[in-house]
Amino acid sequence: MESARLLTIAQTAELLNCSAGFVRKRIALTEANQPGGWPKGIFVNLQPNGAKSLYRINQDALEVYLKGGEEEAKVEESVACAV
């Protein structure tokens, strides 16, 4: 991954216009294998064996994931209207 396209948690929160806690929660849900998290390909832990985790979010992968989610929502809405 290009380091220029890796965002910190704070930068990701600013990009998504949400809190840093929201971003941390998505990562925590994924790490705990619980629903509501992001796919593992979106973020990387740069210190997997360290005392503290150092997560970075791949901006390109996040944008693709979010665009894919919006398209799915549009399909579900059109199906609901047709029924």
C-alpha atoms as a PDB file:
ATOM      1  CA  MET A   1       0.000   0.000   0.000  1.00  0.00           C
ATOM      2  CA  GLU A   2       1.164   3.493  -0.726  1.00  0.00           C
ATOM      3  CA  SER A   3       1.854   5.386   2.457  1.00  0.00           C
ATOM      4  CA  ALA A   4       0.380   8.528   0.870  1.00  0.00           C
ATOM      5  CA  ARG A   5      -3.027   6.812   0.692  1.00  0.00           C
ATOM      6  CA  LEU A   6      -2.947   5.511   4.273  1.00  0.00           C
ATOM      7  CA  LEU A   7      -4.936   7.684   6.653  1.00  0.00           C
ATOM      8  CA  THR A   8      -4.764   7.948  10.418  1.00  0.00           C
ATOM      9  CA  ILE A   9      -7.912   7.406  12.445  1.00  0.00           C
ATOM     10  CA  ALA A  10      -8.303  11.183  12.865  1.00  0.00           C
ATOM     11  CA  GLN A  11      -7.907  11.815   9.122  1.00  0.00           C
ATOM     12  CA  THR A  12     -10.445   9.086   8.361  1.00  0.00           C
ATOM     13  CA  ALA A  13     -12.911  10.588  10.819  1.00  0.00           C
ATOM     14  CA  GLU A  14     -12.492  13.978   9.159  1.00  0.00           C
ATOM     15  CA  LEU A  15     -12.986  12.430   5.706  1.00  0.00           C
ATOM     16  CA  LEU A  16     -16.176  10.650   6.835  1.00  0.00           C
ATOM     17  CA  ASN A  17     -17.345  13.629   8.909  1.00  0.00           C
ATOM     18  CA  CYS A  18     -17.694  11.469  12.008  1.00  0.00           C
ATOM     19  CA  SER A  19     -15.906  10.979  15.318  1.00  0.00           C
ATOM     20  CA  ALA A  20     -12.637   9.119  15.764  1.00  0.00           C
ATOM     21  CA  GLY A  21     -14.507   6.842  18.165  1.00  0.00           C
ATOM     22  CA  PHE A  22     -16.769   5.709  15.310  1.00  0.00           C
ATOM     23  CA  VAL A  23     -13.733   4.749  13.225  1.00  0.00           C
ATOM     24  CA  ARG A  24     -12.135   2.926  16.174  1.00  0.00           C
ATOM     25  CA  LYS A  25     -15.407   1.063  16.794  1.00  0.00           C
ATOM     26  CA  ARG A  26     -15.572  -0.195  13.170  1.00  0.00           C
ATOM     27  CA  ILE A  27     -12.004  -1.501  13.503  1.00  0.00           C
ATOM     28  CA  ALA A  28     -12.726  -3.077  16.906  1.00  0.00           C
ATOM     29  CA  LEU A  29     -15.833  -4.835  15.580  1.00  0.00           C
ATOM     30  CA  THR A  30     -13.840  -6.279  12.696  1.00  0.00           C
ATOM     31  CA  GLU A  31     -10.993  -7.430  14.944  1.00  0.00           C
ATOM     32  CA  ALA A  32     -13.528  -9.150  17.231  1.00  0.00           C
ATOM     33  CA  ASN A  33     -15.249 -10.844  14.237  1.00  0.00           C
ATOM     34  CA  GLN A  34     -18.555  -9.141  15.032  1.00  0.00           C
ATOM     35  CA  PRO A  35     -21.063  -7.659  12.586  1.00  0.00           C
ATOM     36  CA  GLY A  36     -20.896  -3.957  11.814  1.00  0.00           C
ATOM     37  CA  GLY A  37     -17.179  -3.718  11.135  1.00  0.00           C
ATOM     38  CA  TRP A  38     -15.319  -2.962   7.927  1.00  0.00           C
ATOM     39  CA  PRO A  39     -13.666  -5.603   5.730  1.00  0.00           C
ATOM     40  CA  LYS A  40     -10.106  -6.402   6.818  1.00  0.00           C
ATOM     41  CA  GLY A  41      -8.710  -5.057   3.536  1.00  0.00           C
ATOM     42  CA  ILE A  42      -9.651  -1.498   4.476  1.00  0.00           C
ATOM     43  CA  PHE A  43      -7.240  -1.087   7.366  1.00  0.00           C
ATOM     44  CA  VAL A  44      -3.830  -2.357   8.446  1.00  0.00           C
ATOM     45  CA  ASN A  45      -2.120  -2.529  11.826  1.00  0.00           C
ATOM     46  CA  LEU A  46       1.420  -1.250  11.372  1.00  0.00           C
ATOM     47  CA  GLN A  47       2.449  -2.603  14.800  1.00  0.00           C
ATOM     48  CA  PRO A  48       0.796  -6.041  15.062  1.00  0.00           C
ATOM     49  CA  ASN A  49       3.157  -7.219  17.825  1.00  0.00           C
ATOM     50  CA  GLY A  50       3.568  -3.881  19.602  1.00  0.00           C
ATOM     51  CA  ALA A  51       2.193  -2.803  22.942  1.00  0.00           C
ATOM     52  CA  LYS A  52      -0.231  -0.464  21.176  1.00  0.00           C
ATOM     53  CA  SER A  53      -1.886  -0.882  17.802  1.00  0.00           C
ATOM     54  CA  LEU A  54      -1.082   1.579  15.045  1.00  0.00           C
ATOM     55  CA  TYR A  55      -3.958   1.384  12.591  1.00  0.00           C
ATOM     56  CA  ARG A  56      -3.975   3.071   9.206  1.00  0.00           C
ATOM     57  CA  ILE A  57      -6.922   3.095   6.838  1.00  0.00           C
ATOM     58  CA  ASN A  58      -6.486   2.625   3.086  1.00  0.00           C
ATOM     59  CA  GLN A  59      -8.391   5.558   1.604  1.00  0.00           C
ATOM     60  CA  ASP A  60      -8.951   3.926  -1.791  1.00  0.00           C
ATOM     61  CA  ALA A  61     -10.319   0.692  -0.308  1.00  0.00           C
ATOM     62  CA  LEU A  62     -12.590   2.633   2.056  1.00  0.00           C
ATOM     63  CA  GLU A  63     -14.022   4.718  -0.786  1.00  0.00           C
ATOM     64  CA  VAL A  64     -14.698   1.609  -2.887  1.00  0.00           C
ATOM     65  CA  TYR A  65     -16.396  -0.087   0.092  1.00  0.00           C
ATOM     66  CA  LEU A  66     -18.573   2.940   0.827  1.00  0.00           C
ATOM     67  CA  LYS A  67     -19.594   3.359  -2.813  1.00  0.00           C
ATOM     68  CA  GLY A  68     -20.476  -0.336  -2.974  1.00  0.00           C
ATOM     69  CA  GLY A  69     -22.667   0.000   0.125  1.00  0.00           C
ATOM     70  CA  GLU A  70     -24.570   2.923  -1.376  1.00  0.00           C
ATOM     71  CA  GLU A  71     -25.257   0.972  -4.555  1.00  0.00           C
ATOM     72  CA  GLU A  72     -26.618  -1.948  -2.535  1.00  0.00           C
ATOM     73  CA  ALA A  73     -28.894   0.412  -0.602  1.00  0.00           C
ATOM     74  CA  LYS A  74     -30.302   1.826  -3.868  1.00  0.00           C
ATOM     75  CA  VAL A  75     -31.057  -1.673  -5.149  1.00  0.00           C
ATOM     76  CA  GLU A  76     -32.862  -2.588  -1.926  1.00  0.00           C
ATOM     77  CA  GLU A  77     -34.933   0.607  -2.077  1.00  0.00           C
ATOM     78  CA  SER A  78     -36.024  -0.043  -5.667  1.00  0.00           C
ATOM     79  CA  VAL A  79     -36.998  -3.627  -4.793  1.00  0.00           C
ATOM     80  CA  ALA A  80     -38.986  -2.416  -1.791  1.00  0.00           C
ATOM     81  CA  CYS A  81     -40.839   0.102  -3.967  1.00  0.00           C
ATOM     82  CA  ALA A  82     -41.679  -2.516  -6.570  1.00  0.00           C
ATOM     83  CA  VAL A  83     -43.289  -4.852  -4.031  1.00  0.00           C
END
